[in-house]
Amino acid sequence: IGWFRQAPGKEREGVSCISNNGGIRTYADSVKGRFTISRDNA
C-alpha cells in the first residue's frame, strides 16, 4: 500500500509505502522523520 499526494499544478508523487506485512516501510526524503506509515491487516 502506498500514500501519494498531488498539489495543484504538480505531478503526483510518492510519500510513503508499506509492504504486505508492514515489515518494510519507505518514505520520501521530504517527509522522513515527520510521517509514519502503518497498517492493520485485520
Full PDB file with SEQRES, HELIX, SHEET, SSBOND, CRYST1, ORIGX, SCALE, CONECT and MASTER records, all heavy atoms in Angstrom:
SEQRES   1 A   42  ILE GLY TRP PHE ARG GLN ALA PRO GLY LYS GLU ARG GLU          
SEQRES   2 A   42  GLY VAL SER CYS ILE SER ASN ASN GLY GLY ILE ARG THR          
SEQRES   3 A   42  TYR ALA ASP SER VAL LYS GLY ARG PHE THR ILE SER ARG          
SEQRES   4 A   42  ASP ASN ALA                                                  
SHEET    1 AA1 3 GLY A   2  ARG A   5  0                                        
SHEET    2 AA1 3 GLU A  13  ILE A  18 -1                                        
SHEET    3 AA1 3 ARG A  25  TYR A  27 -1                                        
CRYST1    1.000    1.000    1.000  90.00  90.00  90.00 P 1           1          
ORIGX1      1.000000  0.000000  0.000000        0.00000                         
ORIGX2      0.000000  1.000000  0.000000        0.00000                         
ORIGX3      0.000000  0.000000  1.000000        0.00000                         
SCALE1      1.000000  0.000000  0.000000        0.00000                         
SCALE2      0.000000  1.000000  0.000000        0.00000                         
SCALE3      0.000000  0.000000  1.000000        0.00000                         
ATOM      1  N   ILE A   1       0.849  -1.181   0.000  1.00  0.00           N  
ATOM      2  CA  ILE A   1       0.000   0.000   0.000  1.00  0.00           C  
ATOM      3  C   ILE A   1       0.892   1.240   0.000  1.00  0.00           C  
ATOM      4  O   ILE A   1       1.891   1.286   0.717  1.00  0.00           O  
ATOM      5  CB  ILE A   1      -0.939   0.035   1.210  1.00  0.00           C  
ATOM      6  CG1 ILE A   1      -1.776  -1.252   1.289  1.00  0.00           C  
ATOM      7  CG2 ILE A   1      -1.834   1.264   1.155  1.00  0.00           C  
ATOM      8  CD1 ILE A   1      -2.785  -1.402   0.176  1.00  0.00           C  
ATOM      9  N   GLY A   2       0.506   2.218  -0.777  1.00  0.00           N  
ATOM     10  CA  GLY A   2       1.258   3.458  -0.816  1.00  0.00           C  
ATOM     11  C   GLY A   2       0.380   4.667  -0.589  1.00  0.00           C  
ATOM     12  O   GLY A   2      -0.816   4.660  -0.914  1.00  0.00           O  
ATOM     13  N   TRP A   3       0.978   5.691  -0.009  1.00  0.00           N  
ATOM     14  CA  TRP A   3       0.363   7.002   0.096  1.00  0.00           C  
ATOM     15  C   TRP A   3       1.048   7.938  -0.891  1.00  0.00           C  
ATOM     16  O   TRP A   3       2.286   8.000  -0.937  1.00  0.00           O  
ATOM     17  CB  TRP A   3       0.478   7.574   1.508  1.00  0.00           C  
ATOM     18  CG  TRP A   3      -0.506   7.010   2.483  1.00  0.00           C  
ATOM     19  CD1 TRP A   3      -0.282   6.047   3.412  1.00  0.00           C  
ATOM     20  CD2 TRP A   3      -1.871   7.407   2.640  1.00  0.00           C  
ATOM     21  NE1 TRP A   3      -1.422   5.808   4.139  1.00  0.00           N  
ATOM     22  CE2 TRP A   3      -2.413   6.628   3.682  1.00  0.00           C  
ATOM     23  CE3 TRP A   3      -2.686   8.339   1.999  1.00  0.00           C  
ATOM     24  CZ2 TRP A   3      -3.741   6.746   4.104  1.00  0.00           C  
ATOM     25  CZ3 TRP A   3      -4.013   8.456   2.407  1.00  0.00           C  
ATOM     26  CH2 TRP A   3      -4.519   7.663   3.449  1.00  0.00           C  
ATOM     27  N   PHE A   4       0.254   8.667  -1.640  1.00  0.00           N  
ATOM     28  CA  PHE A   4       0.743   9.605  -2.634  1.00  0.00           C  
ATOM     29  C   PHE A   4       0.038  10.935  -2.440  1.00  0.00           C  
ATOM     30  O   PHE A   4      -1.010  11.004  -1.793  1.00  0.00           O  
ATOM     31  CB  PHE A   4       0.498   9.067  -4.049  1.00  0.00           C  
ATOM     32  CG  PHE A   4       1.131   7.726  -4.296  1.00  0.00           C  
ATOM     33  CD1 PHE A   4       0.496   6.559  -3.893  1.00  0.00           C  
ATOM     34  CD2 PHE A   4       2.357   7.630  -4.915  1.00  0.00           C  
ATOM     35  CE1 PHE A   4       1.076   5.319  -4.104  1.00  0.00           C  
ATOM     36  CE2 PHE A   4       2.951   6.399  -5.141  1.00  0.00           C  
ATOM     37  CZ  PHE A   4       2.309   5.242  -4.731  1.00  0.00           C  
ATOM     38  N   ARG A   5       0.611  11.983  -3.003  1.00  0.00           N  
ATOM     39  CA  ARG A   5      -0.028  13.283  -2.897  1.00  0.00           C  
ATOM     40  C   ARG A   5       0.174  14.064  -4.178  1.00  0.00           C  
ATOM     41  O   ARG A   5       1.143  13.876  -4.907  1.00  0.00           O  
ATOM     42  CB  ARG A   5       0.502  14.068  -1.695  1.00  0.00           C  
ATOM     43  CG  ARG A   5       1.967  14.475  -1.794  1.00  0.00           C  
ATOM     44  CD  ARG A   5       2.420  15.118  -0.483  1.00  0.00           C  
ATOM     45  NE  ARG A   5       3.801  15.569  -0.533  1.00  0.00           N  
ATOM     46  CZ  ARG A   5       4.469  16.050   0.503  1.00  0.00           C  
ATOM     47  NH1 ARG A   5       3.871  16.140   1.693  1.00  0.00           N  
ATOM     48  NH2 ARG A   5       5.730  16.446   0.363  1.00  0.00           N  
ATOM     49  N   GLN A   6      -0.766  14.962  -4.423  1.00  0.00           N  
ATOM     50  CA  GLN A   6      -0.707  15.800  -5.606  1.00  0.00           C  
ATOM     51  C   GLN A   6      -1.192  17.202  -5.267  1.00  0.00           C  
ATOM     52  O   GLN A   6      -2.333  17.384  -4.841  1.00  0.00           O  
ATOM     53  CB  GLN A   6      -1.550  15.214  -6.741  1.00  0.00           C  
ATOM     54  CG  GLN A   6      -1.395  15.945  -8.057  1.00  0.00           C  
ATOM     55  CD  GLN A   6      -1.973  15.176  -9.222  1.00  0.00           C  
ATOM     56  OE1 GLN A   6      -2.802  14.287  -9.044  1.00  0.00           O  
ATOM     57  NE2 GLN A   6      -1.533  15.500 -10.424  1.00  0.00           N  
ATOM     58  N   ALA A   7      -0.308  18.162  -5.451  1.00  0.00           N  
ATOM     59  CA  ALA A   7      -0.644  19.561  -5.261  1.00  0.00           C  
ATOM     60  C   ALA A   7      -1.050  20.157  -6.606  1.00  0.00           C  
ATOM     61  O   ALA A   7      -0.679  19.639  -7.663  1.00  0.00           O  
ATOM     62  CB  ALA A   7       0.548  20.319  -4.684  1.00  0.00           C  
ATOM     63  N   PRO A   8      -1.811  21.250  -6.608  1.00  0.00           N  
ATOM     64  CA  PRO A   8      -2.219  21.873  -7.870  1.00  0.00           C  
ATOM     65  C   PRO A   8      -1.025  22.203  -8.751  1.00  0.00           C  
ATOM     66  O   PRO A   8      -0.046  22.797  -8.296  1.00  0.00           O  
ATOM     67  CB  PRO A   8      -2.942  23.143  -7.417  1.00  0.00           C  
ATOM     68  CG  PRO A   8      -3.450  22.818  -6.053  1.00  0.00           C  
ATOM     69  CD  PRO A   8      -2.385  21.944  -5.441  1.00  0.00           C  
ATOM     70  N   GLY A   9      -1.107  21.793 -10.010  1.00  0.00           N  
ATOM     71  CA  GLY A   9      -0.043  22.057 -10.954  1.00  0.00           C  
ATOM     72  C   GLY A   9       1.171  21.174 -10.818  1.00  0.00           C  
ATOM     73  O   GLY A   9       2.154  21.369 -11.546  1.00  0.00           O  
ATOM     74  N   LYS A  10       1.124  20.206  -9.918  1.00  0.00           N  
ATOM     75  CA  LYS A  10       2.252  19.321  -9.680  1.00  0.00           C  
ATOM     76  C   LYS A  10       1.893  17.889 -10.055  1.00  0.00           C  
ATOM     77  O   LYS A  10       0.725  17.516 -10.088  1.00  0.00           O  
ATOM     78  CB  LYS A  10       2.679  19.364  -8.210  1.00  0.00           C  
ATOM     79  CG  LYS A  10       3.068  20.733  -7.690  1.00  0.00           C  
ATOM     80  CD  LYS A  10       4.398  21.184  -8.239  1.00  0.00           C  
ATOM     81  CE  LYS A  10       4.845  22.479  -7.579  1.00  0.00           C  
ATOM     82  NZ  LYS A  10       6.172  22.921  -8.070  1.00  0.00           N  
ATOM     83  N   GLU A  11       2.916  17.108 -10.349  1.00  0.00           N  
ATOM     84  CA  GLU A  11       2.700  15.690 -10.589  1.00  0.00           C  
ATOM     85  C   GLU A  11       2.468  14.964  -9.276  1.00  0.00           C  
ATOM     86  O   GLU A  11       2.950  15.383  -8.221  1.00  0.00           O  
ATOM     87  CB  GLU A  11       3.900  15.077 -11.312  1.00  0.00           C  
ATOM     88  CG  GLU A  11       4.086  15.543 -12.739  1.00  0.00           C  
ATOM     89  CD  GLU A  11       5.161  14.773 -13.467  1.00  0.00           C  
ATOM     90  OE1 GLU A  11       5.861  13.959 -12.827  1.00  0.00           O  
ATOM     91  OE2 GLU A  11       5.299  14.964 -14.682  1.00  0.00           O  
ATOM     92  N   ARG A  12       1.735  13.881  -9.361  1.00  0.00           N  
ATOM     93  CA  ARG A  12       1.516  13.059  -8.185  1.00  0.00           C  
ATOM     94  C   ARG A  12       2.830  12.403  -7.775  1.00  0.00           C  
ATOM     95  O   ARG A  12       3.561  11.865  -8.611  1.00  0.00           O  
ATOM     96  CB  ARG A  12       0.457  12.006  -8.479  1.00  0.00           C  
ATOM     97  CG  ARG A  12      -0.070  11.300  -7.250  1.00  0.00           C  
ATOM     98  CD  ARG A  12      -1.289  10.447  -7.597  1.00  0.00           C  
ATOM     99  NE  ARG A  12      -2.379  11.268  -8.122  1.00  0.00           N  
ATOM    100  CZ  ARG A  12      -3.579  10.781  -8.431  1.00  0.00           C  
ATOM    101  NH1 ARG A  12      -3.852   9.497  -8.266  1.00  0.00           N  
ATOM    102  NH2 ARG A  12      -4.511  11.594  -8.909  1.00  0.00           N  
ATOM    103  N   GLU A  13       3.135  12.445  -6.483  1.00  0.00           N  
ATOM    104  CA  GLU A  13       4.395  11.932  -6.001  1.00  0.00           C  
ATOM    105  C   GLU A  13       4.183  10.938  -4.868  1.00  0.00           C  
ATOM    106  O   GLU A  13       3.220  11.015  -4.112  1.00  0.00           O  
ATOM    107  CB  GLU A  13       5.301  13.068  -5.517  1.00  0.00           C  
ATOM    108  CG  GLU A  13       4.751  13.837  -4.324  1.00  0.00           C  
ATOM    109  CD  GLU A  13       5.692  14.911  -3.816  1.00  0.00           C  
ATOM    110  OE1 GLU A  13       6.849  14.971  -4.289  1.00  0.00           O  
ATOM    111  OE2 GLU A  13       5.276  15.703  -2.945  1.00  0.00           O  
ATOM    112  N   GLY A  14       5.126  10.020  -4.759  1.00  0.00           N  
ATOM    113  CA  GLY A  14       5.079   9.055  -3.681  1.00  0.00           C  
ATOM    114  C   GLY A  14       5.474   9.689  -2.365  1.00  0.00           C  
ATOM    115  O   GLY A  14       6.441  10.450  -2.293  1.00  0.00           O  
ATOM    116  N   VAL A  15       4.744   9.365  -1.319  1.00  0.00           N  
ATOM    117  CA  VAL A  15       5.013   9.869   0.021  1.00  0.00           C  
ATOM    118  C   VAL A  15       5.579   8.765   0.902  1.00  0.00           C  
ATOM    119  O   VAL A  15       6.638   8.924   1.521  1.00  0.00           O  
ATOM    120  CB  VAL A  15       3.744  10.456   0.651  1.00  0.00           C  
ATOM    121  CG1 VAL A  15       4.005  10.882   2.097  1.00  0.00           C  
ATOM    122  CG2 VAL A  15       3.230  11.622  -0.171  1.00  0.00           C  
ATOM    123  N   SER A  16       4.874   7.649   0.960  1.00  0.00           N  
ATOM    124  CA  SER A  16       5.273   6.554   1.831  1.00  0.00           C  
ATOM    125  C   SER A  16       4.618   5.271   1.365  1.00  0.00           C  
ATOM    126  O   SER A  16       3.464   5.280   0.934  1.00  0.00           O  
ATOM    127  CB  SER A  16       4.869   6.862   3.281  1.00  0.00           C  
ATOM    128  OG  SER A  16       5.251   5.828   4.163  1.00  0.00           O  
ATOM    129  N   CYS A  17       5.344   4.162   1.464  1.00  0.00           N  
ATOM    130  CA  CYS A  17       4.816   2.858   1.081  1.00  0.00           C  
ATOM    131  C   CYS A  17       5.121   1.845   2.173  1.00  0.00           C  
ATOM    132  O   CYS A  17       6.091   1.991   2.926  1.00  0.00           O  
ATOM    133  CB  CYS A  17       5.402   2.384  -0.244  1.00  0.00           C  
ATOM    134  SG  CYS A  17       4.831   3.308  -1.694  1.00  0.00           S  
ATOM    135  N   ILE A  18       4.310   0.803   2.223  1.00  0.00           N  
ATOM    136  CA  ILE A  18       4.453  -0.224   3.239  1.00  0.00           C  
ATOM    137  C   ILE A  18       4.209  -1.590   2.618  1.00  0.00           C  
ATOM    138  O   ILE A  18       3.305  -1.761   1.798  1.00  0.00           O  
ATOM    139  CB  ILE A  18       3.504   0.055   4.425  1.00  0.00           C  
ATOM    140  CG1 ILE A  18       3.796  -0.888   5.593  1.00  0.00           C  
ATOM    141  CG2 ILE A  18       2.044  -0.024   3.990  1.00  0.00           C  
ATOM    142  CD1 ILE A  18       3.107  -0.453   6.881  1.00  0.00           C  
ATOM    143  N   SER A  19       5.013  -2.569   3.007  1.00  0.00           N  
ATOM    144  CA  SER A  19       4.897  -3.915   2.465  1.00  0.00           C  
ATOM    145  C   SER A  19       3.663  -4.615   3.014  1.00  0.00           C  
ATOM    146  O   SER A  19       2.977  -4.114   3.904  1.00  0.00           O  
ATOM    147  CB  SER A  19       6.156  -4.726   2.760  1.00  0.00           C  
ATOM    148  OG  SER A  19       6.347  -4.870   4.159  1.00  0.00           O  
ATOM    149  N   ASN A  20       3.405  -5.807   2.487  1.00  0.00           N  
ATOM    150  CA  ASN A  20       2.162  -6.507   2.820  1.00  0.00           C  
ATOM    151  C   ASN A  20       1.983  -6.756   4.308  1.00  0.00           C  
ATOM    152  O   ASN A  20       0.861  -6.679   4.826  1.00  0.00           O  
ATOM    153  CB  ASN A  20       2.086  -7.831   2.053  1.00  0.00           C  
ATOM    154  CG  ASN A  20       3.097  -8.851   2.551  1.00  0.00           C  
ATOM    155  OD1 ASN A  20       4.255  -8.536   2.793  1.00  0.00           O  
ATOM    156  ND2 ASN A  20       2.647 -10.088   2.708  1.00  0.00           N  
ATOM    157  N   ASN A  21       3.085  -7.063   4.991  1.00  0.00           N  
ATOM    158  CA  ASN A  21       3.002  -7.372   6.414  1.00  0.00           C  
ATOM    159  C   ASN A  21       3.489  -6.231   7.302  1.00  0.00           C  
ATOM    160  O   ASN A  21       3.596  -6.403   8.521  1.00  0.00           O  
ATOM    161  CB  ASN A  21       3.780  -8.644   6.736  1.00  0.00           C  
ATOM    162  CG  ASN A  21       5.260  -8.522   6.424  1.00  0.00           C  
ATOM    163  OD1 ASN A  21       5.738  -7.482   5.991  1.00  0.00           O  
ATOM    164  ND2 ASN A  21       5.989  -9.609   6.645  1.00  0.00           N  
ATOM    165  N   GLY A  22       3.782  -5.093   6.705  1.00  0.00           N  
ATOM    166  CA  GLY A  22       4.239  -3.947   7.462  1.00  0.00           C  
ATOM    167  C   GLY A  22       5.707  -3.950   7.798  1.00  0.00           C  
ATOM    168  O   GLY A  22       6.186  -3.023   8.459  1.00  0.00           O  
ATOM    169  N   GLY A  23       6.446  -4.970   7.356  1.00  0.00           N  
ATOM    170  CA  GLY A  23       7.838  -5.089   7.716  1.00  0.00           C  
ATOM    171  C   GLY A  23       8.764  -4.115   7.024  1.00  0.00           C  
ATOM    172  O   GLY A  23       9.847  -3.822   7.539  1.00  0.00           O  
ATOM    173  N   ILE A  24       8.382  -3.634   5.859  1.00  0.00           N  
ATOM    174  CA  ILE A  24       9.191  -2.687   5.106  1.00  0.00           C  
ATOM    175  C   ILE A  24       8.395  -1.410   4.940  1.00  0.00           C  
ATOM    176  O   ILE A  24       7.253  -1.434   4.482  1.00  0.00           O  
ATOM    177  CB  ILE A  24       9.591  -3.240   3.728  1.00  0.00           C  
ATOM    178  CG1 ILE A  24      10.328  -4.574   3.878  1.00  0.00           C  
ATOM    179  CG2 ILE A  24      10.462  -2.235   2.986  1.00  0.00           C  
ATOM    180  CD1 ILE A  24      10.586  -5.267   2.563  1.00  0.00           C  
ATOM    181  N   ARG A  25       9.013  -0.305   5.307  1.00  0.00           N  
ATOM    182  CA  ARG A  25       8.377   1.000   5.192  1.00  0.00           C  
ATOM    183  C   ARG A  25       9.339   1.967   4.519  1.00  0.00           C  
ATOM    184  O   ARG A  25      10.511   2.033   4.876  1.00  0.00           O  
ATOM    185  CB  ARG A  25       7.975   1.529   6.566  1.00  0.00           C  
ATOM    186  CG  ARG A  25       7.083   0.568   7.343  1.00  0.00           C  
ATOM    187  CD  ARG A  25       6.833   1.055   8.749  1.00  0.00           C  
ATOM    188  NE  ARG A  25       6.086   0.071   9.524  1.00  0.00           N  
ATOM    189  CZ  ARG A  25       5.684   0.243  10.771  1.00  0.00           C  
ATOM    190  NH1 ARG A  25       5.953   1.390  11.401  1.00  0.00           N  
ATOM    191  NH2 ARG A  25       5.020  -0.714  11.390  1.00  0.00           N  
ATOM    192  N   THR A  26       8.835   2.689   3.552  1.00  0.00           N  
ATOM    193  CA  THR A  26       9.653   3.651   2.837  1.00  0.00           C  
ATOM    194  C   THR A  26       9.039   5.035   2.958  1.00  0.00           C  
ATOM    195  O   THR A  26       7.827   5.188   3.114  1.00  0.00           O  
ATOM    196  CB  THR A  26       9.804   3.286   1.349  1.00  0.00           C  
ATOM    197  OG1 THR A  26       8.582   3.557   0.651  1.00  0.00           O  
ATOM    198  CG2 THR A  26      10.146   1.807   1.191  1.00  0.00           C  
ATOM    199  N   TYR A  27       9.915   6.056   2.870  1.00  0.00           N  
ATOM    200  CA  TYR A  27       9.470   7.431   2.989  1.00  0.00           C  
ATOM    201  C   TYR A  27      10.225   8.314   2.010  1.00  0.00           C  
ATOM    202  O   TYR A  27      11.426   8.135   1.788  1.00  0.00           O  
ATOM    203  CB  TYR A  27       9.696   7.971   4.403  1.00  0.00           C  
ATOM    204  CG  TYR A  27       8.961   7.220   5.477  1.00  0.00           C  
ATOM    205  CD1 TYR A  27       9.571   6.185   6.174  1.00  0.00           C  
ATOM    206  CD2 TYR A  27       7.652   7.551   5.802  1.00  0.00           C  
ATOM    207  CE1 TYR A  27       8.889   5.490   7.160  1.00  0.00           C  
ATOM    208  CE2 TYR A  27       6.964   6.862   6.785  1.00  0.00           C  
ATOM    209  CZ  TYR A  27       7.590   5.831   7.463  1.00  0.00           C  
ATOM    210  OH  TYR A  27       6.912   5.146   8.443  1.00  0.00           O  
ATOM    211  N   ALA A  28       9.514   9.254   1.435  1.00  0.00           N  
ATOM    212  CA  ALA A  28      10.177  10.275   0.654  1.00  0.00           C  
ATOM    213  C   ALA A  28      11.040  11.132   1.569  1.00  0.00           C  
ATOM    214  O   ALA A  28      10.716  11.339   2.739  1.00  0.00           O  
ATOM    215  CB  ALA A  28       9.149  11.148  -0.067  1.00  0.00           C  
ATOM    216  N   ASP A  29      12.141  11.638   1.033  1.00  0.00           N  
ATOM    217  CA  ASP A  29      13.047  12.445   1.842  1.00  0.00           C  
ATOM    218  C   ASP A  29      12.338  13.649   2.463  1.00  0.00           C  
ATOM    219  O   ASP A  29      12.667  14.072   3.573  1.00  0.00           O  
ATOM    220  CB  ASP A  29      14.226  12.923   0.999  1.00  0.00           C  
ATOM    221  CG  ASP A  29      15.192  11.800   0.653  1.00  0.00           C  
ATOM    222  OD1 ASP A  29      15.175  10.755   1.328  1.00  0.00           O  
ATOM    223  OD2 ASP A  29      15.980  11.978  -0.300  1.00  0.00           O  
ATOM    224  N   SER A  30      11.366  14.186   1.762  1.00  0.00           N  
ATOM    225  CA  SER A  30      10.691  15.384   2.221  1.00  0.00           C  
ATOM    226  C   SER A  30       9.835  15.164   3.464  1.00  0.00           C  
ATOM    227  O   SER A  30       9.493  16.128   4.157  1.00  0.00           O  
ATOM    228  CB  SER A  30       9.823  15.967   1.102  1.00  0.00           C  
ATOM    229  OG  SER A  30       8.849  15.035   0.677  1.00  0.00           O  
ATOM    230  N   VAL A  31       9.481  13.905   3.753  1.00  0.00           N  
ATOM    231  CA  VAL A  31       8.617  13.623   4.900  1.00  0.00           C  
ATOM    232  C   VAL A  31       9.293  12.754   5.939  1.00  0.00           C  
ATOM    233  O   VAL A  31       8.716  12.529   7.021  1.00  0.00           O  
ATOM    234  CB  VAL A  31       7.293  12.968   4.466  1.00  0.00           C  
ATOM    235  CG1 VAL A  31       6.607  13.803   3.399  1.00  0.00           C  
ATOM    236  CG2 VAL A  31       7.523  11.538   3.978  1.00  0.00           C  
ATOM    237  N   LYS A  32      10.473  12.271   5.664  1.00  0.00           N  
ATOM    238  CA  LYS A  32      11.169  11.378   6.580  1.00  0.00           C  
ATOM    239  C   LYS A  32      11.379  12.055   7.931  1.00  0.00           C  
ATOM    240  O   LYS A  32      11.823  13.201   8.004  1.00  0.00           O  
ATOM    241  CB  LYS A  32      12.502  10.948   5.970  1.00  0.00           C  
ATOM    242  CG  LYS A  32      13.184   9.789   6.684  1.00  0.00           C  
ATOM    243  CD  LYS A  32      14.398   9.308   5.882  1.00  0.00           C  
ATOM    244  CE  LYS A  32      13.997   8.798   4.513  1.00  0.00           C  
ATOM    245  NZ  LYS A  32      15.156   8.276   3.739  1.00  0.00           N  
ATOM    246  N   GLY A  33      11.042  11.336   8.984  1.00  0.00           N  
ATOM    247  CA  GLY A  33      11.154  11.874  10.325  1.00  0.00           C  
ATOM    248  C   GLY A  33       9.917  12.591  10.805  1.00  0.00           C  
ATOM    249  O   GLY A  33       9.804  12.874  12.007  1.00  0.00           O  
ATOM    250  N   ARG A  34       8.999  12.891   9.906  1.00  0.00           N  
ATOM    251  CA  ARG A  34       7.767  13.583  10.263  1.00  0.00           C  
ATOM    252  C   ARG A  34       6.529  12.714  10.083  1.00  0.00           C  
ATOM    253  O   ARG A  34       5.564  12.842  10.842  1.00  0.00           O  
ATOM    254  CB  ARG A  34       7.601  14.856   9.433  1.00  0.00           C  
ATOM    255  CG  ARG A  34       8.727  15.864   9.612  1.00  0.00           C  
ATOM    256  CD  ARG A  34       8.411  17.185   8.912  1.00  0.00           C  
ATOM    257  NE  ARG A  34       8.294  17.020   7.458  1.00  0.00           N  
ATOM    258  CZ  ARG A  34       7.187  17.292   6.766  1.00  0.00           C  
ATOM    259  NH1 ARG A  34       6.099  17.742   7.381  1.00  0.00           N  
ATOM    260  NH2 ARG A  34       7.162  17.131   5.447  1.00  0.00           N  
ATOM    261  N   PHE A  35       6.544  11.845   9.076  1.00  0.00           N  
ATOM    262  CA  PHE A  35       5.396  10.989   8.772  1.00  0.00           C  
ATOM    263  C   PHE A  35       5.711   9.556   9.163  1.00  0.00           C  
ATOM    264  O   PHE A  35       6.861   9.105   9.072  1.00  0.00           O  
ATOM    265  CB  PHE A  35       5.061  11.026   7.281  1.00  0.00           C  
ATOM    266  CG  PHE A  35       4.513  12.332   6.777  1.00  0.00           C  
ATOM    267  CD1 PHE A  35       4.492  13.468   7.566  1.00  0.00           C  
ATOM    268  CD2 PHE A  35       4.006  12.417   5.488  1.00  0.00           C  
ATOM    269  CE1 PHE A  35       3.994  14.671   7.100  1.00  0.00           C  
ATOM    270  CE2 PHE A  35       3.496  13.608   5.008  1.00  0.00           C  
ATOM    271  CZ  PHE A  35       3.492  14.739   5.810  1.00  0.00           C  
ATOM    272  N   THR A  36       4.681   8.819   9.559  1.00  0.00           N  
ATOM    273  CA  THR A  36       4.815   7.411   9.896  1.00  0.00           C  
ATOM    274  C   THR A  36       3.673   6.631   9.264  1.00  0.00           C  
ATOM    275  O   THR A  36       2.504   6.972   9.458  1.00  0.00           O  
ATOM    276  CB  THR A  36       4.798   7.185  11.414  1.00  0.00           C  
ATOM    277  OG1 THR A  36       5.848   7.941  12.028  1.00  0.00           O  
ATOM    278  CG2 THR A  36       5.005   5.705  11.732  1.00  0.00           C  
ATOM    279  N   ILE A  37       4.018   5.582   8.518  1.00  0.00           N  
ATOM    280  CA  ILE A  37       3.014   4.732   7.900  1.00  0.00           C  
ATOM    281  C   ILE A  37       2.878   3.447   8.709  1.00  0.00           C  
ATOM    282  O   ILE A  37       3.855   2.936   9.249  1.00  0.00           O  
ATOM    283  CB  ILE A  37       3.369   4.424   6.426  1.00  0.00           C  
ATOM    284  CG1 ILE A  37       2.189   3.761   5.706  1.00  0.00           C  
ATOM    285  CG2 ILE A  37       4.625   3.565   6.328  1.00  0.00           C  
ATOM    286  CD1 ILE A  37       2.393   3.642   4.197  1.00  0.00           C  
ATOM    287  N   SER A  38       1.661   2.941   8.809  1.00  0.00           N  
ATOM    288  CA  SER A  38       1.408   1.688   9.499  1.00  0.00           C  
ATOM    289  C   SER A  38       0.195   1.023   8.865  1.00  0.00           C  
ATOM    290  O   SER A  38      -0.549   1.656   8.123  1.00  0.00           O  
ATOM    291  CB  SER A  38       1.187   1.916  10.998  1.00  0.00           C  
ATOM    292  OG  SER A  38       0.058   2.740  11.229  1.00  0.00           O  
ATOM    293  N   ARG A  39       0.004  -0.254   9.156  1.00  0.00           N  
ATOM    294  CA  ARG A  39      -1.159  -0.949   8.615  1.00  0.00           C  
ATOM    295  C   ARG A  39      -1.688  -1.959   9.602  1.00  0.00           C  
ATOM    296  O   ARG A  39      -0.937  -2.547  10.398  1.00  0.00           O  
ATOM    297  CB  ARG A  39      -0.846  -1.604   7.264  1.00  0.00           C  
ATOM    298  CG  ARG A  39       0.131  -2.767   7.306  1.00  0.00           C  
ATOM    299  CD  ARG A  39       0.517  -3.210   5.884  1.00  0.00           C  
ATOM    300  NE  ARG A  39      -0.612  -3.724   5.124  1.00  0.00           N  
ATOM    301  CZ  ARG A  39      -0.593  -3.972   3.812  1.00  0.00           C  
ATOM    302  NH1 ARG A  39       0.517  -3.731   3.105  1.00  0.00           N  
ATOM    303  NH2 ARG A  39      -1.669  -4.452   3.205  1.00  0.00           N  
ATOM    304  N   ASP A  40      -2.981  -2.157   9.540  1.00  0.00           N  
ATOM    305  CA  ASP A  40      -3.686  -3.123  10.364  1.00  0.00           C  
ATOM    306  C   ASP A  40      -4.430  -4.035   9.401  1.00  0.00           C  
ATOM    307  O   ASP A  40      -5.549  -3.737   8.991  1.00  0.00           O  
ATOM    308  CB  ASP A  40      -4.640  -2.422  11.321  1.00  0.00           C  
ATOM    309  CG  ASP A  40      -5.393  -3.388  12.211  1.00  0.00           C  
ATOM    310  OD1 ASP A  40      -5.202  -4.611  12.086  1.00  0.00           O  
ATOM    311  OD2 ASP A  40      -6.187  -2.920  13.049  1.00  0.00           O  
ATOM    312  N   ASN A  41      -3.789  -5.142   9.026  1.00  0.00           N  
ATOM    313  CA  ASN A  41      -4.378  -6.019   8.023  1.00  0.00           C  
ATOM    314  C   ASN A  41      -5.671  -6.675   8.506  1.00  0.00           C  
ATOM    315  O   ASN A  41      -6.532  -7.011   7.693  1.00  0.00           O  
ATOM    316  CB  ASN A  41      -3.375  -7.088   7.600  1.00  0.00           C  
ATOM    317  CG  ASN A  41      -2.324  -6.563   6.652  1.00  0.00           C  
ATOM    318  OD1 ASN A  41      -2.309  -5.372   6.329  1.00  0.00           O  
ATOM    319  ND2 ASN A  41      -1.431  -7.437   6.202  1.00  0.00           N  
ATOM    320  N   ALA A  42      -5.803  -6.870   9.810  1.00  0.00           N  
ATOM    321  CA  ALA A  42      -7.021  -7.459  10.339  1.00  0.00           C  
ATOM    322  C   ALA A  42      -8.233  -6.599  10.015  1.00  0.00           C  
ATOM    323  O   ALA A  42      -9.343  -7.112   9.866  1.00  0.00           O  
ATOM    324  CB  ALA A  42      -6.902  -7.672  11.841  1.00  0.00           C  
TER     325      ALA A  42                                                      
MASTER        0    0    0    0    3    0    0    6  324    1    0    4          
END                                                                             
